[in-house]
């Protein structure tokens, strides 16, 4: 099992955001249990969330047109707002995947 340092990991509603780079870009590997469910990256004013499949699948993006060089969140409040939004999207995605599996 992977060990995570609490200084670089944030857990939100069962999703563990493990920071892999502090700035330029600020990025995270996201886990639900032992499984990686997303990769988050903020670089050049573009926040992206990709989910692993055969190839990475873009599931969310946000652009910061007023700050095209933005490579990290400005403060903890902004970071938590965005990470909480990402958790909502990942939960919805997980729920939809479970529905598709049960309909097969």
PDB file of N, CA and C in Angstrom:
ATOM      1  N   UNK A   1       0.846  -1.196   0.000  1.00  0.00           N
ATOM      2  CA  UNK A   1       0.000   0.000   0.000  1.00  0.00           C
ATOM      3  C   UNK A   1       0.879   1.242   0.000  1.00  0.00           C
ATOM      4  N   UNK A   2       0.508   2.234  -0.780  1.00  0.00           N
ATOM      5  CA  UNK A   2       1.277   3.472  -0.836  1.00  0.00           C
ATOM      6  C   UNK A   2       1.132   4.251   0.454  1.00  0.00           C
ATOM      7  N   UNK A   3       2.219   4.848   0.876  1.00  0.00           N
ATOM      8  CA  UNK A   3       2.204   5.724   2.038  1.00  0.00           C
ATOM      9  C   UNK A   3       2.180   7.167   1.539  1.00  0.00           C
ATOM     10  N   UNK A   4       1.369   8.001   2.159  1.00  0.00           N
ATOM     11  CA  UNK A   4       1.270   9.385   1.745  1.00  0.00           C
ATOM     12  C   UNK A   4       1.644  10.291   2.904  1.00  0.00           C
ATOM     13  N   UNK A   5       2.322  11.348   2.597  1.00  0.00           N
ATOM     14  CA  UNK A   5       2.732  12.354   3.566  1.00  0.00           C
ATOM     15  C   UNK A   5       1.574  13.326   3.747  1.00  0.00           C
ATOM     16  N   UNK A   6       1.130  13.531   4.969  1.00  0.00           N
ATOM     17  CA  UNK A   6      -0.004  14.430   5.217  1.00  0.00           C
ATOM     18  C   UNK A   6       0.273  15.862   4.779  1.00  0.00           C
ATOM     19  N   UNK A   7       1.545  16.245   4.688  1.00  0.00           N
ATOM     20  CA  UNK A   7       1.867  17.602   4.257  1.00  0.00           C
ATOM     21  C   UNK A   7       1.561  17.820   2.773  1.00  0.00           C
ATOM     22  N   UNK A   8       1.504  16.751   2.010  1.00  0.00           N
ATOM     23  CA  UNK A   8       1.263  16.889   0.575  1.00  0.00           C
ATOM     24  C   UNK A   8       0.013  16.139   0.133  1.00  0.00           C
ATOM     25  N   UNK A   9      -0.820  15.733   1.078  1.00  0.00           N
ATOM     26  CA  UNK A   9      -2.045  15.004   0.745  1.00  0.00           C
ATOM     27  C   UNK A   9      -3.245  15.661   1.410  1.00  0.00           C
ATOM     28  N   UNK A  10      -4.344  15.672   0.677  1.00  0.00           N
ATOM     29  CA  UNK A  10      -5.602  16.230   1.182  1.00  0.00           C
ATOM     30  C   UNK A  10      -6.678  15.189   0.935  1.00  0.00           C
ATOM     31  N   UNK A  11      -7.457  14.863   1.952  1.00  0.00           N
ATOM     32  CA  UNK A  11      -8.545  13.902   1.791  1.00  0.00           C
ATOM     33  C   UNK A  11      -9.874  14.650   1.865  1.00  0.00           C
ATOM     34  N   UNK A  12     -10.700  14.473   0.841  1.00  0.00           N
ATOM     35  CA  UNK A  12     -12.016  15.108   0.779  1.00  0.00           C
ATOM     36  C   UNK A  12     -13.033  14.043   0.417  1.00  0.00           C
ATOM     37  N   UNK A  13     -13.941  13.743   1.340  1.00  0.00           N
ATOM     38  CA  UNK A  13     -15.029  12.788   1.120  1.00  0.00           C
ATOM     39  C   UNK A  13     -14.546  11.464   0.529  1.00  0.00           C
ATOM     40  N   UNK A  14     -13.442  10.962   1.056  1.00  0.00           N
ATOM     41  CA  UNK A  14     -12.938   9.665   0.621  1.00  0.00           C
ATOM     42  C   UNK A  14     -12.037   9.717  -0.601  1.00  0.00           C
ATOM     43  N   UNK A  15     -11.799  10.893  -1.154  1.00  0.00           N
ATOM     44  CA  UNK A  15     -10.884  11.061  -2.280  1.00  0.00           C
ATOM     45  C   UNK A  15      -9.588  11.670  -1.758  1.00  0.00           C
ATOM     46  N   UNK A  16      -8.499  10.980  -1.991  1.00  0.00           N
ATOM     47  CA  UNK A  16      -7.193  11.433  -1.524  1.00  0.00           C
ATOM     48  C   UNK A  16      -6.469  12.135  -2.663  1.00  0.00           C
ATOM     49  N   UNK A  17      -6.191  13.413  -2.472  1.00  0.00           N
ATOM     50  CA  UNK A  17      -5.440  14.211  -3.436  1.00  0.00           C
ATOM     51  C   UNK A  17      -3.999  14.228  -2.955  1.00  0.00           C
ATOM     52  N   UNK A  18      -3.143  13.522  -3.667  1.00  0.00           N
ATOM     53  CA  UNK A  18      -1.727  13.473  -3.304  1.00  0.00           C
ATOM     54  C   UNK A  18      -0.963  14.422  -4.221  1.00  0.00           C
ATOM     55  N   UNK A  19      -0.429  15.499  -3.619  1.00  0.00           N
ATOM     56  CA  UNK A  19       0.272  16.513  -4.407  1.00  0.00           C
ATOM     57  C   UNK A  19       1.590  15.943  -4.917  1.00  0.00           C
ATOM     58  N   UNK A  20       1.781  16.011  -6.234  1.00  0.00           N
ATOM     59  CA  UNK A  20       3.011  15.493  -6.832  1.00  0.00           C
ATOM     60  C   UNK A  20       3.939  16.617  -7.286  1.00  0.00           C
ATOM     61  N   UNK A  21       3.416  17.842  -7.298  1.00  0.00           N
ATOM     62  CA  UNK A  21       4.245  19.000  -7.649  1.00  0.00           C
ATOM     63  C   UNK A  21       3.598  20.225  -7.006  1.00  0.00           C
ATOM     64  N   UNK A  22       4.404  21.057  -6.342  1.00  0.00           N
ATOM     65  CA  UNK A  22       3.874  22.212  -5.616  1.00  0.00           C
ATOM     66  C   UNK A  22       3.413  23.360  -6.502  1.00  0.00           C
ATOM     67  N   UNK A  23       4.194  23.696  -7.476  1.00  0.00           N
ATOM     68  CA  UNK A  23       3.809  24.841  -8.302  1.00  0.00           C
ATOM     69  C   UNK A  23       4.427  24.739  -9.682  1.00  0.00           C
ATOM     70  N   UNK A  24       3.728  25.361 -10.592  1.00  0.00           N
ATOM     71  CA  UNK A  24       4.187  25.499 -11.984  1.00  0.00           C
ATOM     72  C   UNK A  24       4.599  24.186 -12.616  1.00  0.00           C
ATOM     73  N   UNK A  25       3.748  23.204 -12.727  1.00  0.00           N
ATOM     74  CA  UNK A  25       2.326  23.200 -12.377  1.00  0.00           C
ATOM     75  C   UNK A  25       2.086  22.635 -10.975  1.00  0.00           C
ATOM     76  N   UNK A  26       0.951  23.040 -10.396  1.00  0.00           N
ATOM     77  CA  UNK A  26       0.465  22.374  -9.177  1.00  0.00           C
ATOM     78  C   UNK A  26      -0.318  21.174  -9.676  1.00  0.00           C
ATOM     79  N   UNK A  27       0.014  19.984  -9.186  1.00  0.00           N
ATOM     80  CA  UNK A  27      -0.673  18.795  -9.699  1.00  0.00           C
ATOM     81  C   UNK A  27      -0.846  17.745  -8.614  1.00  0.00           C
ATOM     82  N   UNK A  28      -1.851  16.900  -8.831  1.00  0.00           N
ATOM     83  CA  UNK A  28      -2.235  15.874  -7.862  1.00  0.00           C
ATOM     84  C   UNK A  28      -2.581  14.570  -8.576  1.00  0.00           C
ATOM     85  N   UNK A  29      -2.240  13.459  -7.942  1.00  0.00           N
ATOM     86  CA  UNK A  29      -2.814  12.165  -8.284  1.00  0.00           C
ATOM     87  C   UNK A  29      -3.957  11.982  -7.298  1.00  0.00           C
ATOM     88  N   UNK A  30      -5.107  11.550  -7.783  1.00  0.00           N
ATOM     89  CA  UNK A  30      -6.293  11.414  -6.928  1.00  0.00           C
ATOM     90  C   UNK A  30      -6.649   9.937  -6.807  1.00  0.00           C
ATOM     91  N   UNK A  31      -6.835   9.494  -5.563  1.00  0.00           N
ATOM     92  CA  UNK A  31      -7.143   8.093  -5.282  1.00  0.00           C
ATOM     93  C   UNK A  31      -8.474   7.975  -4.563  1.00  0.00           C
ATOM     94  N   UNK A  32      -9.171   6.909  -4.870  1.00  0.00           N
ATOM     95  CA  UNK A  32     -10.364   6.489  -4.120  1.00  0.00           C
ATOM     96  C   UNK A  32     -10.050   5.077  -3.674  1.00  0.00           C
ATOM     97  N   UNK A  33      -9.752   4.926  -2.398  1.00  0.00           N
ATOM     98  CA  UNK A  33      -9.222   3.649  -1.927  1.00  0.00           C
ATOM     99  C   UNK A  33      -7.821   3.483  -2.482  1.00  0.00           C
ATOM    100  N   UNK A  34      -7.541   2.327  -3.033  1.00  0.00           N
ATOM    101  CA  UNK A  34      -6.219   2.064  -3.597  1.00  0.00           C
ATOM    102  C   UNK A  34      -6.125   2.417  -5.075  1.00  0.00           C
ATOM    103  N   UNK A  35      -7.256   2.754  -5.685  1.00  0.00           N
ATOM    104  CA  UNK A  35      -7.311   2.980  -7.132  1.00  0.00           C
ATOM    105  C   UNK A  35      -7.151   4.462  -7.471  1.00  0.00           C
ATOM    106  N   UNK A  36      -6.261   4.756  -8.419  1.00  0.00           N
ATOM    107  CA  UNK A  36      -6.149   6.127  -8.897  1.00  0.00           C
ATOM    108  C   UNK A  36      -7.330   6.405  -9.814  1.00  0.00           C
ATOM    109  N   UNK A  37      -8.051   7.498  -9.503  1.00  0.00           N
ATOM    110  CA  UNK A  37      -9.249   7.828 -10.274  1.00  0.00           C
ATOM    111  C   UNK A  37      -9.118   9.114 -11.080  1.00  0.00           C
ATOM    112  N   UNK A  38      -8.056   9.887 -10.820  1.00  0.00           N
ATOM    113  CA  UNK A  38      -7.896  11.137 -11.569  1.00  0.00           C
ATOM    114  C   UNK A  38      -6.484  11.683 -11.419  1.00  0.00           C
ATOM    115  N   UNK A  39      -6.198  12.605 -12.315  1.00  0.00           N
ATOM    116  CA  UNK A  39      -4.953  13.360 -12.316  1.00  0.00           C
ATOM    117  C   UNK A  39      -5.346  14.821 -12.509  1.00  0.00           C
ATOM    118  N   UNK A  40      -4.947  15.686 -11.582  1.00  0.00           N
ATOM    119  CA  UNK A  40      -5.318  17.103 -11.601  1.00  0.00           C
ATOM    120  C   UNK A  40      -4.063  17.924 -11.864  1.00  0.00           C
ATOM    121  N   UNK A  41      -4.208  18.925 -12.749  1.00  0.00           N
ATOM    122  CA  UNK A  41      -3.044  19.744 -13.075  1.00  0.00           C
ATOM    123  C   UNK A  41      -3.483  21.179 -13.375  1.00  0.00           C
ATOM    124  N   UNK A  42      -2.800  22.126 -12.749  1.00  0.00           N
ATOM    125  CA  UNK A  42      -3.025  23.547 -13.025  1.00  0.00           C
ATOM    126  C   UNK A  42      -1.733  24.101 -13.620  1.00  0.00           C
ATOM    127  N   UNK A  43      -1.818  24.455 -14.894  1.00  0.00           N
ATOM    128  CA  UNK A  43      -0.620  24.920 -15.614  1.00  0.00           C
ATOM    129  C   UNK A  43      -1.027  25.922 -16.691  1.00  0.00           C
ATOM    130  N   UNK A  44      -0.271  26.993 -16.785  1.00  0.00           N
ATOM    131  CA  UNK A  44      -0.494  28.008 -17.819  1.00  0.00           C
ATOM    132  C   UNK A  44      -1.957  28.477 -17.874  1.00  0.00           C
ATOM    133  N   UNK A  45      -2.543  28.712 -16.684  1.00  0.00           N
ATOM    134  CA  UNK A  45      -3.906  29.223 -16.623  1.00  0.00           C
ATOM    135  C   UNK A  45      -4.974  28.231 -17.017  1.00  0.00           C
ATOM    136  N   UNK A  46      -4.664  26.947 -16.951  1.00  0.00           N
ATOM    137  CA  UNK A  46      -5.599  25.906 -17.386  1.00  0.00           C
ATOM    138  C   UNK A  46      -5.608  24.775 -16.362  1.00  0.00           C
ATOM    139  N   UNK A  47      -6.745  24.614 -15.680  1.00  0.00           N
ATOM    140  CA  UNK A  47      -6.933  23.527 -14.719  1.00  0.00           C
ATOM    141  C   UNK A  47      -7.606  22.367 -15.445  1.00  0.00           C
ATOM    142  N   UNK A  48      -6.988  21.185 -15.395  1.00  0.00           N
ATOM    143  CA  UNK A  48      -7.580  20.009 -16.044  1.00  0.00           C
ATOM    144  C   UNK A  48      -7.669  18.860 -15.053  1.00  0.00           C
ATOM    145  N   UNK A  49      -8.682  18.038 -15.252  1.00  0.00           N
ATOM    146  CA  UNK A  49      -8.844  16.802 -14.488  1.00  0.00           C
ATOM    147  C   UNK A  49      -9.025  15.689 -15.508  1.00  0.00           C
ATOM    148  N   UNK A  50      -8.102  14.753 -15.478  1.00  0.00           N
ATOM    149  CA  UNK A  50      -8.153  13.605 -16.380  1.00  0.00           C
ATOM    150  C   UNK A  50      -8.399  12.352 -15.555  1.00  0.00           C
ATOM    151  N   UNK A  51      -9.154  11.430 -16.125  1.00  0.00           N
ATOM    152  CA  UNK A  51      -9.422  10.149 -15.464  1.00  0.00           C
ATOM    153  C   UNK A  51      -8.755   9.044 -16.258  1.00  0.00           C
ATOM    154  N   UNK A  52      -8.088   8.139 -15.565  1.00  0.00           N
ATOM    155  CA  UNK A  52      -7.418   7.058 -16.286  1.00  0.00           C
ATOM    156  C   UNK A  52      -8.412   6.069 -16.883  1.00  0.00           C
ATOM    157  N   UNK A  53      -8.206   5.768 -18.109  1.00  0.00           N
ATOM    158  CA  UNK A  53      -8.910   4.689 -18.821  1.00  0.00           C
ATOM    159  C   UNK A  53      -7.833   4.070 -19.678  1.00  0.00           C
ATOM    160  N   UNK A  54      -8.155   3.670 -20.891  1.00  0.00           N
ATOM    161  CA  UNK A  54      -7.108   3.221 -21.815  1.00  0.00           C
ATOM    162  C   UNK A  54      -6.145   4.367 -22.055  1.00  0.00           C
ATOM    163  N   UNK A  55      -6.697   5.521 -22.332  1.00  0.00           N
ATOM    164  CA  UNK A  55      -5.943   6.774 -22.401  1.00  0.00           C
ATOM    165  C   UNK A  55      -6.597   7.713 -21.405  1.00  0.00           C
ATOM    166  N   UNK A  56      -5.911   8.754 -21.033  1.00  0.00           N
ATOM    167  CA  UNK A  56      -6.513   9.689 -20.084  1.00  0.00           C
ATOM    168  C   UNK A  56      -7.721  10.370 -20.734  1.00  0.00           C
ATOM    169  N   UNK A  57      -8.778  10.512 -19.975  1.00  0.00           N
ATOM    170  CA  UNK A  57     -10.024  11.106 -20.452  1.00  0.00           C
ATOM    171  C   UNK A  57     -10.262  12.399 -19.681  1.00  0.00           C
ATOM    172  N   UNK A  58     -10.376  13.515 -20.391  1.00  0.00           N
ATOM    173  CA  UNK A  58     -10.636  14.801 -19.760  1.00  0.00           C
ATOM    174  C   UNK A  58     -12.050  14.803 -19.190  1.00  0.00           C
ATOM    175  N   UNK A  59     -12.184  15.034 -17.883  1.00  0.00           N
ATOM    176  CA  UNK A  59     -13.507  15.039 -17.261  1.00  0.00           C
ATOM    177  C   UNK A  59     -13.898  16.418 -16.729  1.00  0.00           C
ATOM    178  N   UNK A  60     -12.929  17.336 -16.652  1.00  0.00           N
ATOM    179  CA  UNK A  60     -13.223  18.693 -16.177  1.00  0.00           C
ATOM    180  C   UNK A  60     -12.083  19.602 -16.583  1.00  0.00           C
ATOM    181  N   UNK A  61     -12.433  20.830 -16.916  1.00  0.00           N
ATOM    182  CA  UNK A  61     -11.394  21.830 -17.162  1.00  0.00           C
ATOM    183  C   UNK A  61     -11.930  23.209 -16.820  1.00  0.00           C
ATOM    184  N   UNK A  62     -11.016  24.068 -16.435  1.00  0.00           N
ATOM    185  CA  UNK A  62     -11.348  25.459 -16.132  1.00  0.00           C
ATOM    186  C   UNK A  62     -10.179  26.309 -16.605  1.00  0.00           C
ATOM    187  N   UNK A  63     -10.508  27.390 -17.273  1.00  0.00           N
ATOM    188  CA  UNK A  63      -9.471  28.313 -17.745  1.00  0.00           C
ATOM    189  C   UNK A  63      -9.489  29.582 -16.894  1.00  0.00           C
ATOM    190  N   UNK A  64      -8.324  30.138 -16.704  1.00  0.00           N
ATOM    191  CA  UNK A  64      -8.159  31.392 -15.980  1.00  0.00           C
ATOM    192  C   UNK A  64      -7.676  32.440 -16.989  1.00  0.00           C
ATOM    193  N   UNK A  65      -8.583  33.034 -17.769  1.00  0.00           N
ATOM    194  CA  UNK A  65      -8.169  33.947 -18.839  1.00  0.00           C
ATOM    195  C   UNK A  65      -7.469  35.209 -18.328  1.00  0.00           C
ATOM    196  N   UNK A  66      -7.753  35.607 -17.095  1.00  0.00           N
ATOM    197  CA  UNK A  66      -7.114  36.804 -16.542  1.00  0.00           C
ATOM    198  C   UNK A  66      -5.719  36.523 -16.002  1.00  0.00           C
ATOM    199  N   UNK A  67      -5.347  35.252 -15.941  1.00  0.00           N
ATOM    200  CA  UNK A  67      -4.028  34.870 -15.426  1.00  0.00           C
ATOM    201  C   UNK A  67      -3.488  33.699 -16.256  1.00  0.00           C
ATOM    202  N   UNK A  68      -3.073  33.968 -17.492  1.00  0.00           N
ATOM    203  CA  UNK A  68      -2.653  32.891 -18.393  1.00  0.00           C
ATOM    204  C   UNK A  68      -1.395  32.146 -17.952  1.00  0.00           C
ATOM    205  N   UNK A  69      -0.687  32.674 -16.966  1.00  0.00           N
ATOM    206  CA  UNK A  69       0.524  31.991 -16.477  1.00  0.00           C
ATOM    207  C   UNK A  69       0.294  31.300 -15.141  1.00  0.00           C
ATOM    208  N   UNK A  70      -0.957  31.272 -14.692  1.00  0.00           N
ATOM    209  CA  UNK A  70      -1.288  30.667 -13.394  1.00  0.00           C
ATOM    210  C   UNK A  70      -0.837  29.209 -13.376  1.00  0.00           C
ATOM    211  N   UNK A  71       0.000  28.881 -12.395  1.00  0.00           N
ATOM    212  CA  UNK A  71       0.510  27.522 -12.284  1.00  0.00           C
ATOM    213  C   UNK A  71       0.254  26.914 -10.931  1.00  0.00           C
ATOM    214  N   UNK A  72      -0.384  27.693 -10.040  1.00  0.00           N
ATOM    215  CA  UNK A  72      -0.773  27.160  -8.730  1.00  0.00           C
ATOM    216  C   UNK A  72      -1.924  28.011  -8.207  1.00  0.00           C
ATOM    217  N   UNK A  73      -2.670  27.448  -7.282  1.00  0.00           N
ATOM    218  CA  UNK A  73      -3.781  28.188  -6.695  1.00  0.00           C
ATOM    219  C   UNK A  73      -3.226  29.336  -5.864  1.00  0.00           C
ATOM    220  N   UNK A  74      -3.971  30.425  -5.800  1.00  0.00           N
ATOM    221  CA  UNK A  74      -3.502  31.617  -5.096  1.00  0.00           C
ATOM    222  C   UNK A  74      -3.466  31.445  -3.584  1.00  0.00           C
ATOM    223  N   UNK A  75      -4.381  30.618  -3.055  1.00  0.00           N
ATOM    224  CA  UNK A  75      -4.446  30.431  -1.606  1.00  0.00           C
ATOM    225  C   UNK A  75      -5.211  29.136  -1.305  1.00  0.00           C
ATOM    226  N   UNK A  76      -5.239  28.766  -0.028  1.00  0.00           N
ATOM    227  CA  UNK A  76      -5.907  27.524   0.374  1.00  0.00           C
ATOM    228  C   UNK A  76      -7.407  27.562   0.118  1.00  0.00           C
ATOM    229  N   UNK A  77      -8.029  28.723   0.251  1.00  0.00           N
ATOM    230  CA  UNK A  77      -9.474  28.832   0.016  1.00  0.00           C
ATOM    231  C   UNK A  77      -9.798  28.480  -1.444  1.00  0.00           C
ATOM    232  N   UNK A  78      -9.063  29.071  -2.370  1.00  0.00           N
ATOM    233  CA  UNK A  78      -9.282  28.778  -3.793  1.00  0.00           C
ATOM    234  C   UNK A  78      -8.999  27.302  -4.081  1.00  0.00           C
ATOM    235  N   UNK A  79      -7.924  26.773  -3.514  1.00  0.00           N
ATOM    236  CA  UNK A  79      -7.557  25.360  -3.709  1.00  0.00           C
ATOM    237  C   UNK A  79      -8.690  24.451  -3.249  1.00  0.00           C
ATOM    238  N   UNK A  80      -9.191  24.676  -2.036  1.00  0.00           N
ATOM    239  CA  UNK A  80     -10.247  23.801  -1.498  1.00  0.00           C
ATOM    240  C   UNK A  80     -11.534  23.929  -2.300  1.00  0.00           C
ATOM    241  N   UNK A  81     -11.891  25.134  -2.735  1.00  0.00           N
ATOM    242  CA  UNK A  81     -13.088  25.295  -3.557  1.00  0.00           C
ATOM    243  C   UNK A  81     -12.983  24.452  -4.824  1.00  0.00           C
ATOM    244  N   UNK A  82     -11.837  24.501  -5.475  1.00  0.00           N
ATOM    245  CA  UNK A  82     -11.666  23.744  -6.710  1.00  0.00           C
ATOM    246  C   UNK A  82     -11.601  22.239  -6.452  1.00  0.00           C
ATOM    247  N   UNK A  83     -10.889  21.830  -5.413  1.00  0.00           N
ATOM    248  CA  UNK A  83     -10.796  20.392  -5.135  1.00  0.00           C
ATOM    249  C   UNK A  83     -12.148  19.817  -4.734  1.00  0.00           C
ATOM    250  N   UNK A  84     -12.944  20.573  -4.003  1.00  0.00           N
ATOM    251  CA  UNK A  84     -14.300  20.123  -3.642  1.00  0.00           C
ATOM    252  C   UNK A  84     -15.160  20.000  -4.905  1.00  0.00           C
ATOM    253  N   UNK A  85     -15.043  20.949  -5.817  1.00  0.00           N
ATOM    254  CA  UNK A  85     -15.775  20.871  -7.093  1.00  0.00           C
ATOM    255  C   UNK A  85     -15.354  19.630  -7.872  1.00  0.00           C
ATOM    256  N   UNK A  86     -14.068  19.333  -7.867  1.00  0.00           N
ATOM    257  CA  UNK A  86     -13.556  18.145  -8.556  1.00  0.00           C
ATOM    258  C   UNK A  86     -14.111  16.876  -7.924  1.00  0.00           C
ATOM    259  N   UNK A  87     -14.217  16.833  -6.606  1.00  0.00           N
ATOM    260  CA  UNK A  87     -14.788  15.661  -5.930  1.00  0.00           C
ATOM    261  C   UNK A  87     -16.234  15.460  -6.372  1.00  0.00           C
ATOM    262  N   UNK A  88     -17.005  16.538  -6.463  1.00  0.00           N
ATOM    263  CA  UNK A  88     -18.401  16.426  -6.922  1.00  0.00           C
ATOM    264  C   UNK A  88     -18.460  15.796  -8.311  1.00  0.00           C
ATOM    265  N   UNK A  89     -17.578  16.237  -9.196  1.00  0.00           N
ATOM    266  CA  UNK A  89     -17.547  15.710 -10.562  1.00  0.00           C
ATOM    267  C   UNK A  89     -17.142  14.243 -10.567  1.00  0.00           C
ATOM    268  N   UNK A  90     -16.140  13.887  -9.773  1.00  0.00           N
ATOM    269  CA  UNK A  90     -15.687  12.494  -9.720  1.00  0.00           C
ATOM    270  C   UNK A  90     -16.760  11.582  -9.129  1.00  0.00           C
ATOM    271  N   UNK A  91     -17.471  12.062  -8.117  1.00  0.00           N
ATOM    272  CA  UNK A  91     -18.555  11.262  -7.526  1.00  0.00           C
ATOM    273  C   UNK A  91     -19.668  11.022  -8.546  1.00  0.00           C
ATOM    274  N   UNK A  92     -20.025  12.070  -9.289  1.00  0.00           N
ATOM    275  CA  UNK A  92     -21.060  11.942 -10.330  1.00  0.00           C
ATOM    276  C   UNK A  92     -20.619  10.941 -11.395  1.00  0.00           C
ATOM    277  N   UNK A  93     -19.363  11.052 -11.789  1.00  0.00           N
ATOM    278  CA  UNK A  93     -18.803  10.157 -12.811  1.00  0.00           C
ATOM    279  C   UNK A  93     -18.823   8.705 -12.318  1.00  0.00           C
ATOM    280  N   UNK A  94     -18.428   8.500 -11.062  1.00  0.00           N
ATOM    281  CA  UNK A  94     -18.418   7.163 -10.477  1.00  0.00           C
ATOM    282  C   UNK A  94     -19.841   6.589 -10.423  1.00  0.00           C
ATOM    283  N   UNK A  95     -20.795   7.429 -10.042  1.00  0.00           N
ATOM    284  CA  UNK A  95     -22.203   7.003  -9.974  1.00  0.00           C
ATOM    285  C   UNK A  95     -22.699   6.600 -11.364  1.00  0.00           C
ATOM    286  N   UNK A  96     -22.364   7.391 -12.388  1.00  0.00           N
ATOM    287  CA  UNK A  96     -22.782   7.085 -13.760  1.00  0.00           C
ATOM    288  C   UNK A  96     -22.136   5.800 -14.271  1.00  0.00           C
ATOM    289  N   UNK A  97     -20.866   5.579 -13.933  1.00  0.00           N
ATOM    290  CA  UNK A  97     -20.200   4.333 -14.336  1.00  0.00           C
ATOM    291  C   UNK A  97     -20.884   3.128 -13.701  1.00  0.00           C
ATOM    292  N   UNK A  98     -21.248   3.244 -12.435  1.00  0.00           N
ATOM    293  CA  UNK A  98     -21.943   2.136 -11.761  1.00  0.00           C
ATOM    294  C   UNK A  98     -23.301   1.867 -12.399  1.00  0.00           C
ATOM    295  N   UNK A  99     -24.010   2.918 -12.812  1.00  0.00           N
ATOM    296  CA  UNK A  99     -25.303   2.754 -13.488  1.00  0.00           C
ATOM    297  C   UNK A  99     -25.126   2.006 -14.806  1.00  0.00           C
ATOM    298  N   UNK A 100     -24.112   2.407 -15.587  1.00  0.00           N
ATOM    299  CA  UNK A 100     -23.856   1.742 -16.871  1.00  0.00           C
ATOM    300  C   UNK A 100     -23.533   0.267 -16.666  1.00  0.00           C
ATOM    301  N   UNK A 101     -22.732  -0.024 -15.654  1.00  0.00           N
ATOM    302  CA  UNK A 101     -22.385  -1.442 -15.383  1.00  0.00           C
ATOM    303  C   UNK A 101     -23.618  -2.249 -14.995  1.00  0.00           C
ATOM    304  N   UNK A 102     -24.499  -1.673 -14.196  1.00  0.00           N
ATOM    305  CA  UNK A 102     -25.671  -2.415 -13.751  1.00  0.00           C
ATOM    306  C   UNK A 102     -26.711  -2.566 -14.853  1.00  0.00           C
ATOM    307  N   UNK A 103     -26.666  -1.720 -15.880  1.00  0.00           N
ATOM    308  CA  UNK A 103     -27.600  -1.812 -17.000  1.00  0.00           C
ATOM    309  C   UNK A 103     -27.146  -2.802 -18.080  1.00  0.00           C
ATOM    310  N   UNK A 104     -25.951  -3.331 -17.940  1.00  0.00           N
ATOM    311  CA  UNK A 104     -25.457  -4.281 -18.960  1.00  0.00           C
ATOM    312  C   UNK A 104     -26.044  -5.653 -18.776  1.00  0.00           C
TER     313      UNK A 104
END
